Protein backbone atom coordinates (compact mmCIF):
# COMPACT_ATOMS: atom_id res chain seq x y z
CA UNK A 1 139.58 99.32 81.36
CA UNK A 2 138.72 100.68 84.68
CA UNK A 3 140.94 100.17 87.53
CA UNK A 4 138.05 97.72 88.73
CA UNK A 5 138.10 95.97 85.70
CA UNK A 6 141.85 95.97 86.09
CA UNK A 7 142.40 94.69 89.54
CA UNK A 8 139.29 91.52 87.97
CA UNK A 9 142.20 91.16 85.25
CA UNK A 10 145.27 90.79 88.15
CA UNK A 11 142.99 88.42 90.78
CA UNK A 12 142.17 85.71 86.97
CA UNK A 13 146.41 86.19 86.85
CA UNK A 14 146.73 84.51 90.60
CA UNK A 15 144.21 82.46 89.56
CA UNK A 16 145.81 81.05 86.38
CA UNK A 17 149.12 80.72 88.17
CA UNK A 18 147.47 78.88 90.93
CA UNK A 19 145.69 76.61 89.05
CA UNK A 20 148.80 76.20 87.08
CA UNK A 21 150.73 75.22 89.78
CA UNK A 22 153.08 77.46 90.16
CA UNK A 23 151.97 79.20 93.10
CA UNK A 24 150.65 77.74 96.23
CA UNK A 25 148.47 80.86 97.36
CA UNK A 26 144.83 81.37 98.47
CA UNK A 27 143.10 83.59 95.51
CA UNK A 28 141.93 86.84 96.76
CA UNK A 29 138.81 88.06 96.15
CA UNK A 30 139.89 91.78 95.55
CA UNK A 31 143.49 93.11 94.54
CA UNK A 32 144.42 96.48 95.10
CA UNK A 33 145.07 98.85 92.02
CA UNK A 34 146.07 102.42 92.42
CA UNK A 35 147.09 105.68 90.25
CA UNK A 36 151.64 105.87 90.08
CA UNK A 37 152.59 109.20 91.58
CA UNK A 38 154.58 109.72 88.53
CA UNK A 39 153.20 109.13 85.21
CA UNK A 40 156.69 107.65 84.00
CA UNK A 41 155.76 104.43 86.23
CA UNK A 42 152.28 103.82 83.77
CA UNK A 43 149.26 104.48 84.35
CA UNK A 44 148.63 101.99 87.42
CA UNK A 45 150.50 100.26 89.89
CA UNK A 46 149.71 97.09 92.15
CA UNK A 47 151.04 95.25 95.32
CA UNK A 48 149.62 92.54 94.95
CA UNK A 49 152.99 90.45 94.76
CA UNK A 50 153.91 91.52 97.75
CA UNK A 51 151.09 91.03 99.76
CA UNK A 52 151.60 87.16 98.76
CA UNK A 53 154.74 86.63 98.91
CA UNK A 54 155.04 85.43 102.62
CA UNK A 55 151.93 82.23 101.71
CA UNK A 56 153.62 81.74 98.83
CA UNK A 57 156.63 81.03 100.85
CA UNK A 58 158.40 82.82 96.98
CA UNK A 59 160.57 86.58 96.93
CA UNK A 60 158.17 89.56 96.01
CA UNK A 61 159.90 90.22 93.50
CA UNK A 62 159.30 86.62 91.67
CA UNK A 63 155.35 86.71 92.11
CA UNK A 64 155.81 89.70 90.64
CA UNK A 65 158.19 88.93 87.51
CA UNK A 66 155.62 85.62 87.61
CA UNK A 67 152.37 87.96 87.66
CA UNK A 68 153.86 90.00 84.49
CA UNK A 69 154.57 87.09 82.22
CA UNK A 70 150.87 86.34 82.71
CA UNK A 71 149.30 89.87 82.08
CA UNK A 72 151.90 90.94 79.36
CA UNK A 73 149.63 88.84 77.16
CA UNK A 74 145.73 90.37 78.33
CA UNK A 75 143.91 91.82 75.83
CA UNK A 76 144.30 95.48 76.41
CA UNK A 77 148.12 95.14 78.78
CA UNK A 78 150.62 96.71 77.04
CA UNK A 79 153.36 96.71 79.33
CA UNK A 80 154.03 95.65 82.69
CA UNK A 81 157.24 96.34 84.79
CA UNK A 82 158.60 94.79 87.77
CA UNK A 83 159.87 97.36 90.09
CA UNK A 84 161.38 97.81 93.58
CA UNK A 85 160.92 95.32 96.61
CA UNK A 86 158.12 94.12 93.62
CA UNK A 87 155.55 96.35 92.75
CA UNK A 88 153.33 96.00 89.25
CA UNK A 89 153.52 98.68 87.50
CA UNK A 90 151.41 98.59 84.38
CA UNK A 91 150.65 100.72 81.23
CA UNK A 92 147.48 99.68 78.71
CA UNK A 93 147.05 99.67 75.60
CA UNK A 94 145.63 102.94 74.00
CA UNK A 95 142.30 101.35 73.08
CA UNK A 96 141.87 99.69 76.75
CA UNK A 97 142.50 103.31 78.72
CA UNK A 98 140.60 105.28 76.46
CA UNK A 99 138.13 102.46 76.51
CA UNK A 100 136.81 103.77 79.85
CA UNK A 101 135.12 106.09 77.70
CA UNK A 102 133.27 104.46 75.84
CA UNK A 103 132.06 103.15 78.88
CA UNK A 104 130.89 105.76 80.54
CA UNK A 105 129.10 107.24 78.35
CA UNK A 106 127.58 103.56 77.24
CA UNK A 107 126.41 103.17 81.39
CA UNK A 108 125.04 107.13 81.21
CA UNK A 109 123.45 107.29 85.04
CA UNK A 110 124.53 104.06 86.55
CA UNK A 111 128.28 104.43 86.24
CA UNK A 112 130.18 104.34 89.18
CA UNK A 113 127.52 102.32 91.69
CA UNK A 114 128.80 98.85 92.66
CA UNK A 115 127.58 95.79 93.97
CA UNK A 116 130.22 95.17 96.45
CA UNK A 117 127.97 95.70 99.38
CA UNK A 118 124.84 93.58 97.53
CA UNK A 119 122.27 91.92 99.79
CA UNK A 120 123.53 94.35 103.21
CA UNK A 121 120.56 96.11 104.28
CA UNK A 122 121.28 99.32 106.26
CA UNK A 123 119.30 101.18 108.09
CA UNK A 124 120.59 104.96 108.52
CA UNK A 125 118.95 107.25 111.10
CA UNK A 126 120.04 110.84 110.32
CA UNK A 127 118.58 114.81 111.97
CA UNK A 128 115.53 113.24 114.29
CA UNK A 129 115.55 117.18 116.05
CA UNK A 130 112.64 117.45 118.83
CA UNK A 131 109.98 118.62 116.30
CA UNK A 132 110.56 121.82 119.10
CA UNK A 133 110.64 124.62 117.08
CA UNK A 134 112.31 124.36 113.16
CA UNK A 135 115.49 122.80 111.62
CA UNK A 136 118.68 124.15 113.24
CA UNK A 137 121.78 125.11 110.68
CA UNK A 138 123.11 122.03 113.16
CA UNK A 139 120.62 120.08 111.80
CA UNK A 140 120.89 120.74 107.97
CA UNK A 141 125.15 119.41 108.29
CA UNK A 142 123.53 116.30 109.60
CA UNK A 143 121.00 116.53 106.08
CA UNK A 144 123.05 117.06 103.61
CA UNK A 145 125.75 114.69 104.91
CA UNK A 146 122.91 112.02 105.97
CA UNK A 147 121.15 112.24 102.76
CA UNK A 148 124.39 111.99 100.87
CA UNK A 149 125.65 109.36 102.50
CA UNK A 150 122.36 107.44 101.96
CA UNK A 151 122.55 108.08 97.96
CA UNK A 152 125.97 106.95 98.51
CA UNK A 153 125.25 103.49 99.89
CA UNK A 154 122.56 102.97 97.83
CA UNK A 155 124.84 104.02 94.63
CA UNK A 156 127.75 101.05 96.32
CA UNK A 157 125.05 98.15 96.21
CA UNK A 158 123.53 99.02 99.96
CA UNK A 159 119.87 98.18 100.89
CA UNK A 160 118.79 101.51 101.69
CA UNK A 161 116.12 103.14 104.68
CA UNK A 162 115.99 106.19 105.99
CA UNK A 163 114.18 107.02 108.66
CA UNK A 164 113.34 110.02 110.84
CA UNK A 165 112.98 109.32 114.96
CA UNK A 166 110.20 111.36 115.59
CA UNK A 167 110.92 112.47 119.95
CA UNK A 168 106.64 113.40 120.14
CA UNK A 169 106.84 111.60 124.37
CA UNK A 170 108.37 112.79 126.93
CA UNK A 171 109.34 116.46 129.03
CA UNK A 172 109.58 118.41 125.82
CA UNK A 173 106.75 118.28 124.60
CA UNK A 174 105.24 118.80 127.34
CA UNK A 175 107.28 122.17 127.68
CA UNK A 176 106.23 123.12 124.22
CA UNK A 177 103.19 123.07 125.41
CA UNK A 178 103.52 124.96 127.45
CA UNK A 179 105.17 127.16 125.37
CA UNK A 180 102.50 127.35 122.87
CA UNK A 181 99.76 127.98 125.76
CA UNK A 182 101.45 130.79 126.90
CA UNK A 183 101.64 132.28 123.48
CA UNK A 184 97.90 132.47 123.45
CA UNK A 185 97.85 134.00 126.04
CA UNK A 186 99.78 136.78 125.72
CA UNK A 187 102.29 135.80 128.58
CA UNK A 188 105.97 135.09 128.50
CA UNK A 189 107.08 131.39 127.77
CA UNK A 190 107.98 129.63 131.03
CA UNK A 191 111.71 129.84 131.84
CA UNK A 192 112.04 126.07 130.94
CA UNK A 193 110.43 126.72 127.80
CA UNK A 194 111.28 127.57 124.15
CA UNK A 195 112.11 131.37 122.50
CA UNK A 196 111.24 132.43 119.73
CA UNK A 197 108.98 134.62 117.32
CA UNK A 198 108.07 129.98 115.92
CA UNK A 199 106.46 129.57 118.71
CA UNK A 200 103.85 132.80 118.10
CA UNK A 201 103.67 132.06 115.04
CA UNK A 202 102.27 128.10 115.37
CA UNK A 203 100.19 129.44 118.51
CA UNK A 204 98.69 131.10 116.38
CA UNK A 205 97.99 127.95 113.83
CA UNK A 206 96.80 126.09 116.74
CA UNK A 207 93.91 128.38 118.01
CA UNK A 208 92.65 128.60 114.01
CA UNK A 209 92.50 125.29 113.84
CA UNK A 210 90.64 124.93 117.48
CA UNK A 211 87.65 127.01 118.17
CA UNK A 212 86.72 125.76 121.09
CA UNK A 213 90.58 126.57 122.57
CA UNK A 214 88.80 129.93 123.21
CA UNK A 215 86.27 128.83 125.65
CA UNK A 216 89.07 126.48 127.51
CA UNK A 217 91.27 129.41 127.92
CA UNK A 218 88.57 131.61 129.05
CA UNK A 219 87.35 128.98 131.35
CA UNK A 220 90.63 127.74 132.69
CA UNK A 221 91.93 131.99 132.95
CA UNK A 222 94.66 133.46 133.10
CA UNK A 223 96.51 132.37 135.02
CA UNK A 224 98.57 128.67 133.70
CA UNK A 225 96.77 126.57 137.12
CA UNK A 226 93.05 126.73 135.67
CA UNK A 227 92.43 122.74 136.51
CA UNK A 228 91.45 120.68 134.18
CA UNK A 229 90.19 123.33 131.50
CA UNK A 230 93.83 124.28 131.54
CA UNK A 231 95.10 120.38 131.14
CA UNK A 232 93.03 120.32 128.36
CA UNK A 233 94.52 124.07 126.85
CA UNK A 234 97.78 122.15 126.76
CA UNK A 235 97.26 118.44 125.53
CA UNK A 236 95.44 120.19 122.42
CA UNK A 237 98.47 122.91 122.50
CA UNK A 238 101.74 119.90 122.80
CA UNK A 239 99.74 117.51 120.26
CA UNK A 240 98.97 119.92 117.45
CA UNK A 241 102.09 122.34 118.36
CA UNK A 242 103.82 119.12 117.62
CA UNK A 243 101.57 117.94 114.96
CA UNK A 244 102.76 121.33 113.09
CA UNK A 245 106.29 121.86 114.44
CA UNK A 246 106.74 118.31 112.84
CA UNK A 247 104.87 119.75 109.51
CA UNK A 248 106.97 122.54 108.88
CA UNK A 249 109.84 120.56 109.23
CA UNK A 250 109.13 117.88 106.61
CA UNK A 251 108.88 120.76 104.73
CA UNK A 252 111.58 122.50 104.79
CA UNK A 253 114.09 119.10 104.85
CA UNK A 254 112.12 118.67 101.69
CA UNK A 255 112.89 121.85 100.29
CA UNK A 256 116.46 121.03 101.33
CA UNK A 257 116.20 117.59 98.39
CA UNK A 258 116.31 115.44 101.74
CA UNK A 259 113.02 112.89 101.89
CA UNK A 260 112.99 109.62 104.31
CA UNK A 261 111.37 106.65 103.67
CA UNK A 262 109.99 106.24 107.73
CA UNK A 263 108.29 109.18 109.92
CA UNK A 264 109.35 107.33 113.34
CA UNK A 265 107.22 108.47 116.28
CA UNK A 266 108.23 107.57 119.33
CA UNK A 267 104.92 107.72 120.96
CA UNK A 268 103.73 105.11 118.48
CA UNK A 269 106.97 103.15 120.54
CA UNK A 270 105.12 103.40 123.61
CA UNK A 271 101.61 102.73 122.57
CA UNK A 272 102.48 99.46 120.58
CA UNK A 273 104.58 97.86 123.61
CA UNK A 274 106.88 97.89 122.40
CA UNK A 275 109.16 99.20 125.39
CA UNK A 276 107.67 96.65 127.73
CA UNK A 277 108.86 93.56 125.21
CA UNK A 278 112.41 94.90 124.75
CA UNK A 279 112.57 94.73 128.31
CA UNK A 280 111.44 91.27 128.48
CA UNK A 281 113.21 90.25 125.80
CA UNK A 282 116.86 91.86 127.19
CA UNK A 283 115.83 90.51 130.94
CA UNK A 284 115.37 86.73 129.04
CA UNK A 285 119.51 87.58 127.82
CA UNK A 286 119.78 88.13 131.24
CA UNK A 287 120.70 91.64 131.60
CA UNK A 288 117.83 92.87 133.53
CA UNK A 289 117.93 93.74 136.54
CA UNK A 290 116.11 95.90 139.89
CA UNK A 291 117.48 98.01 142.88
CA UNK A 292 115.99 100.89 144.47
CA UNK A 293 112.84 100.35 143.09
CA UNK A 294 114.08 100.93 139.28
CA UNK A 295 114.55 98.27 136.50
CA UNK A 296 118.49 98.37 135.35
CA UNK A 297 119.81 97.39 131.94
CA UNK A 298 123.97 96.06 132.82
CA UNK A 299 125.71 98.06 130.15
CA UNK A 300 128.57 98.08 132.23
CA UNK A 301 129.46 94.78 130.79
CA UNK A 302 129.97 96.00 127.41
CA UNK A 303 132.26 98.81 127.69
CA UNK A 304 129.33 101.56 129.39
CA UNK A 305 130.65 103.67 131.78
CA UNK A 306 127.60 102.93 134.55
CA UNK A 307 124.46 100.84 133.72
CA UNK A 308 121.30 102.70 132.38
CA UNK A 309 117.94 102.75 134.11
CA UNK A 310 115.12 101.72 131.60
CA UNK A 311 112.00 102.19 134.36
CA UNK A 312 112.59 105.18 136.71
CA UNK A 313 111.18 104.47 140.60
CA UNK A 314 107.98 106.16 140.21
CA UNK A 315 107.61 104.14 137.18
CA UNK A 316 108.22 105.82 134.06
CA UNK A 317 110.34 104.66 131.79
CA UNK A 318 113.38 106.51 130.37
CA UNK A 319 114.77 107.95 127.31
CA UNK A 320 117.18 105.01 127.55
CA UNK A 321 114.08 102.43 127.72
CA UNK A 322 112.99 104.24 123.99
CA UNK A 323 116.13 103.99 122.08
CA UNK A 324 115.98 100.29 123.43
CA UNK A 325 113.12 99.74 122.07
CA UNK A 326 113.89 101.94 118.87
CA UNK A 327 116.83 99.77 118.49
CA UNK A 328 115.36 96.02 118.36
CA UNK A 329 113.08 97.99 115.88
CA UNK A 330 115.28 98.43 113.93
CA UNK A 331 116.25 94.96 113.82
CA UNK A 332 113.12 93.03 113.40
CA UNK A 333 112.10 94.84 110.29
CA UNK A 334 115.33 93.24 109.66
CA UNK A 335 118.40 96.03 108.59
CA UNK A 336 121.21 94.49 109.62
CA UNK A 337 122.88 97.27 110.35
CA UNK A 338 122.39 100.12 112.08
CA UNK A 339 123.43 103.61 111.58
CA UNK A 340 123.03 106.66 113.88
CA UNK A 341 124.05 109.65 112.23
CA UNK A 342 124.57 111.78 115.96
CA UNK A 343 126.11 115.89 116.78
CA UNK A 344 129.03 116.48 118.60
CA UNK A 345 127.34 116.82 121.59
CA UNK A 346 126.25 113.48 121.71
CA UNK A 347 129.51 111.58 122.90
CA UNK A 348 128.42 109.79 125.27
CA UNK A 349 125.60 107.18 123.07
CA UNK A 350 128.40 105.78 121.56
CA UNK A 351 129.39 104.07 124.59
CA UNK A 352 125.51 103.39 125.82
CA UNK A 353 124.19 102.01 122.21
CA UNK A 354 126.48 100.13 121.31
CA UNK A 355 126.24 98.16 125.09
CA UNK A 356 121.96 97.86 123.88
CA UNK A 357 123.65 96.17 120.87
CA UNK A 358 125.72 93.44 122.67
CA UNK A 359 122.75 93.49 125.20
CA UNK A 360 120.37 91.98 121.99
CA UNK A 361 123.12 90.09 121.48
CA UNK A 362 123.82 91.78 118.69
CA UNK A 363 128.09 92.29 117.66
CA UNK A 364 128.26 96.08 117.79
CA UNK A 365 131.42 96.58 115.06
CA UNK A 366 129.07 94.22 113.27
CA UNK A 367 125.69 95.52 113.74
CA UNK A 368 125.83 99.61 114.75
CA UNK A 369 127.68 102.48 113.37
CA UNK A 370 127.39 105.65 115.43
CA UNK A 371 128.41 108.88 113.64
CA UNK A 372 129.78 111.57 115.34
CA UNK A 373 129.37 115.64 113.17
CA UNK A 374 131.06 118.46 114.44
CA UNK A 375 129.48 121.83 115.06
CA UNK A 376 128.85 124.75 111.98
CA UNK A 377 128.97 128.37 112.53
CA UNK A 378 127.94 130.64 109.66
CA UNK A 379 130.15 134.01 108.71
CA UNK A 380 129.88 136.81 106.09
CA UNK A 381 133.34 138.75 105.63
CA UNK A 382 135.10 136.55 108.52
CA UNK A 383 132.24 138.04 110.64
CA UNK A 384 129.64 136.40 112.79
CA UNK A 385 126.11 136.40 111.53
CA UNK A 386 123.86 137.10 114.15
CA UNK A 387 120.93 134.66 115.72
CA UNK A 388 117.73 134.67 113.59
CA UNK A 389 114.89 136.82 114.42
CA UNK A 390 112.38 133.84 113.54
CA UNK A 391 113.88 131.39 115.87
CA UNK A 392 115.62 133.81 118.43
CA UNK A 393 118.73 132.05 119.70
CA UNK A 394 120.06 130.26 117.02
CA UNK A 395 120.47 130.40 113.50
CA UNK A 396 118.37 127.53 111.11
CA UNK A 397 118.86 125.97 107.31
CA UNK A 398 115.55 128.37 105.54
CA UNK A 399 118.53 130.96 107.22
CA UNK A 400 121.22 129.48 105.09
CA UNK A 401 119.35 128.22 102.14
CA UNK A 402 118.04 131.70 102.13
CA UNK A 403 121.32 133.35 101.98
CA UNK A 404 123.17 130.75 99.41
CA UNK A 405 120.96 128.40 98.13
CA UNK A 406 119.81 124.82 98.12
CA UNK A 407 123.19 123.78 95.72
CA UNK A 408 125.88 125.32 97.43
CA UNK A 409 124.44 125.16 101.44
CA UNK A 410 124.40 120.80 100.62
CA UNK A 411 127.56 121.25 98.84
CA UNK A 412 129.37 123.27 101.59
CA UNK A 413 127.93 120.90 104.48
CA UNK A 414 128.60 118.21 102.76
CA UNK A 415 132.49 118.61 101.62
CA UNK A 416 134.59 118.69 104.91
CA UNK A 417 134.68 116.11 106.83
CA UNK A 418 131.61 115.59 109.30
CA UNK A 419 134.48 115.26 112.71
CA UNK A 420 135.62 118.68 111.41
CA UNK A 421 134.33 122.08 112.77
CA UNK A 422 132.95 124.34 109.35
CA UNK A 423 132.46 127.60 109.17
CA UNK A 424 131.06 128.37 106.01
CA UNK A 425 131.27 132.04 105.05
CA UNK A 426 128.30 133.14 103.12
CA UNK A 427 130.16 135.68 100.35
CA UNK A 428 132.48 133.21 99.72
CA UNK A 429 130.54 130.28 98.24
CA UNK A 430 127.30 133.01 97.11
CA UNK A 431 130.55 133.59 94.57
CA UNK A 432 130.12 132.40 91.34
CA UNK A 433 133.89 132.35 90.90
CA UNK A 434 137.03 129.35 90.19
CA UNK A 435 138.00 130.15 94.31
CA UNK A 436 134.43 128.38 95.25
CA UNK A 437 134.59 124.47 95.02
CA UNK A 438 130.54 124.20 94.10
CA UNK A 439 130.56 127.03 91.50
CA UNK A 440 134.46 125.39 90.12
CA UNK A 441 132.65 121.78 89.98
CA UNK A 442 128.73 123.39 88.59
CA UNK A 443 130.69 125.30 85.58
CA UNK A 444 132.90 122.67 84.68
CA UNK A 445 129.86 120.46 83.81
CA UNK A 446 128.27 123.26 82.51
CA UNK A 447 131.11 123.81 80.48
CA UNK A 448 131.05 120.77 78.93
CA UNK A 449 127.43 121.03 78.07
CA UNK A 450 128.12 124.31 76.20
CA UNK A 451 130.58 122.44 74.24
CA UNK A 452 128.49 119.38 73.26
CA UNK A 453 125.37 121.52 72.31
CA UNK A 454 128.08 123.56 70.16
CA UNK A 455 129.16 120.05 68.26
CA UNK A 456 125.99 119.20 68.22
CA UNK A 457 125.58 122.75 65.30
CA UNK A 458 128.74 121.59 63.67
CA UNK A 459 126.81 118.38 62.14
CA UNK A 460 128.48 116.43 64.82
CA UNK A 461 127.28 113.24 66.50
CA UNK A 462 126.78 113.59 70.53
CA UNK A 463 125.21 110.59 72.38
CA UNK A 464 122.29 112.65 72.83
CA UNK A 465 122.00 111.48 68.91
CA UNK A 466 119.58 108.12 68.78
CA UNK A 467 122.10 106.91 65.78
CA UNK A 468 124.73 107.86 67.64
CA UNK A 469 128.02 105.10 67.54
CA UNK A 470 130.47 105.30 70.48
CA UNK A 471 131.98 101.47 69.72
CA UNK A 472 132.84 103.81 66.43
CA UNK A 473 134.28 105.74 68.01
CA UNK A 474 138.58 105.24 67.74
CA UNK A 475 139.47 105.86 72.10
CA UNK A 476 142.95 104.25 70.76
CA UNK A 477 143.20 108.12 69.43
CA UNK A 478 143.23 109.18 73.48
CA UNK A 479 147.03 109.09 74.15
CA UNK A 480 147.36 112.93 75.44
CA UNK A 481 149.13 113.24 78.66
CA UNK A 482 146.68 115.19 79.67
CA UNK A 483 143.33 112.97 77.68
CA UNK A 484 145.02 109.95 79.91
CA UNK A 485 144.88 112.07 83.33
CA UNK A 486 141.65 112.74 82.02
CA UNK A 487 140.82 108.95 81.54
CA UNK A 488 142.89 108.34 84.74
CA UNK A 489 140.29 110.41 86.44
CA UNK A 490 137.66 109.10 85.15
CA UNK A 491 138.12 105.36 86.05
CA UNK A 492 138.30 106.05 89.97
CA UNK A 493 134.23 106.80 90.45
CA UNK A 494 133.75 104.14 91.48
CA UNK A 495 136.40 102.81 93.93
CA UNK A 496 135.42 106.40 95.40
CA UNK A 497 131.83 105.43 95.74
CA UNK A 498 133.49 102.25 97.86
CA UNK A 499 135.33 104.27 99.68
CA UNK A 500 133.03 106.45 100.51
CA UNK A 501 130.49 104.18 101.46
CA UNK A 502 132.86 101.75 103.28
CA UNK A 503 134.68 105.17 105.51
CA UNK A 504 131.52 106.72 106.10
CA UNK A 505 132.49 110.02 104.39
CA UNK A 506 130.34 111.38 101.21
CA UNK A 507 133.01 114.32 101.71
CA UNK A 508 135.65 112.49 99.61
CA UNK A 509 133.04 112.54 96.44
CA UNK A 510 132.80 116.19 97.09
CA UNK A 511 136.44 115.85 96.89
CA UNK A 512 136.97 113.61 94.10
CA UNK A 513 135.40 116.46 91.55
CA UNK A 514 137.79 119.17 92.58
CA UNK A 515 140.14 117.17 91.38
CA UNK A 516 137.95 115.81 88.31
CA UNK A 517 136.90 119.30 87.17
CA UNK A 518 140.64 120.35 87.18
CA UNK A 519 141.41 117.50 85.60
CA UNK A 520 139.26 118.67 82.88
CA UNK A 521 139.77 122.72 83.12
CA UNK A 522 143.63 121.20 82.42
CA UNK A 523 142.80 118.77 79.40
CA UNK A 524 140.90 121.29 77.49
CA UNK A 525 143.17 124.27 78.02
CA UNK A 526 145.05 121.54 76.29
CA UNK A 527 143.27 119.88 73.77
CA UNK A 528 141.47 121.33 71.14
CA UNK A 529 138.12 119.27 70.72
CA UNK A 530 136.33 121.23 68.05
CA UNK A 531 137.45 122.34 65.08
CA UNK A 532 137.37 125.46 63.61
CA UNK A 533 137.23 127.75 61.29
CA UNK A 534 137.33 125.72 57.68
CA UNK A 535 138.96 122.49 59.66
CA UNK A 536 137.04 119.37 59.05
CA UNK A 537 136.28 117.18 61.98
CA UNK A 538 138.57 114.06 61.76
CA UNK A 539 138.42 110.88 64.27
CA UNK A 540 140.45 112.58 67.33
CA UNK A 541 137.49 115.28 67.50
CA UNK A 542 135.18 112.23 67.90
CA UNK A 543 137.45 110.53 70.23
CA UNK A 544 138.08 113.77 72.31
CA UNK A 545 134.29 114.95 72.48
CA UNK A 546 133.71 111.33 73.84
CA UNK A 547 136.26 112.09 77.05
CA UNK A 548 134.50 115.48 77.59
CA UNK A 549 131.30 113.46 77.09
CA UNK A 550 132.11 111.13 79.77
CA UNK A 551 133.78 113.61 82.16
CA UNK A 552 129.87 115.60 81.44
CA UNK A 553 128.45 112.27 82.75
CA UNK A 554 130.67 111.68 85.90
CA UNK A 555 130.81 115.31 87.14
CA UNK A 556 126.60 114.47 86.97
CA UNK A 557 126.55 111.09 88.32
CA UNK A 558 129.08 112.43 91.38
CA UNK A 559 126.40 115.59 92.58
CA UNK A 560 124.04 113.65 91.87
CA UNK A 561 124.97 111.53 94.90
CA UNK A 562 125.87 114.58 96.99
CA UNK A 563 121.98 115.88 96.04
CA UNK A 564 123.55 119.18 94.11
CA UNK A 565 121.98 119.78 90.30
CA UNK A 566 123.83 119.52 87.16
CA UNK A 567 123.09 122.61 85.40
CA UNK A 568 124.03 123.35 81.48
CA UNK A 569 123.82 126.52 81.47
CA UNK A 570 125.39 129.28 84.60
């Protein structure tokens, strides 16, 4: 019996009490079930009686005693004690607790998934860095966290759509084109342009793909004011440079295990008339006005610190206008909730996006999430890692992966709450020792895989055998304190997934896995699984082997949610 199944059993007990006239309360959809800090208090505890007492106009202990009597006759419940002001301390029957292992092995990869958010469509946008340079170290964190969050959302029952918003319109594209053109001419980048060896690499690819560019360069002369030919050369460098840079970004993120459902072009919003359509709709809502030759959105009505311009006095749309059009586009595609994962320098966007949501008639608290993440720094042995030779003035995702590999990079970027600054010591996260969290978790999976291979070599049945009968294992034998601890930890995965999704906190998965790995190692050190020497396997051998297999399944499922591999050998 998992914690979720026990919670359902408690809800059923409340429903039965209400139907019988013993309680007069609204039956809750769900109740809290927790693992007590002290094992002697039982396998699980619930404060449901305290939560219902006021509505029932009864003392909490009276409600608790009434529910305890009903729970004591439930199959799988061995003992219920009313403690303190009215807590229910519940101990499961051995077979019910051990049934968690049976359930996990039977469910396999699907264990841990839930349907708590079934039918809710969430759009998750993350990274969305300008296509004018490589993926930076800061963006690497959003890539790891965003992809893990999308996996957690899906596991919690959301219908998820992931997007990368390509800022391929605006001043930054012109500056990038000018930087590429300068590199083609062997000149330094403009003062407001882009630096780094990667610009020269892009320039060489642009030249190779456009033989006619040489004629344009020759016709425009050496100066950067060469008339029509200059404009044509600049347009080629901007367009092709962005496309080449975007292809590199795609390849880098794909190699990092991050794939998007949609790469949405800002330019396409302009070309499709979406900005004009957004302004028209906002005007219909009564939030648009004109002043000083510009068109404004009255965002101060919804908590923004100042009204925002949609169209500048020169007739050009603002970035804010494109943001509004993009918000509208997402909602028109049927997403119920829009989740933006932004960097630490985007705090000002929170109020703006909430105002956009409200101006379109939405409820920002229901339709919008804006998550702000903090910066990442790299060190080696306590010494800051210098900037990238290729990028010039910043470190890149490629630098990090080159140093430690994809698994260590992803896990290390996800395991800390994204609202805290993160300093990664490259030596520490590449070290294959138990003080390295990613190694500690992966090693636990590999250790169990080795155990199962050894079991198979001894002729013992494992879940890999098609004839294996999971129901034939006597899980009621799993009564050792370390076995009970491990079963309790395994039963927590669905709730950890649910809370990680609800709180937008995939780091909770990582911390759970680390605790689970420690719980397994303590079990293995205290409870011998396989027979030794001439010993014959017994029923407890099969039960402990099943428990080990269940642990391996949960470790693999959790690592998969983080986009990290679960190796069978290390």
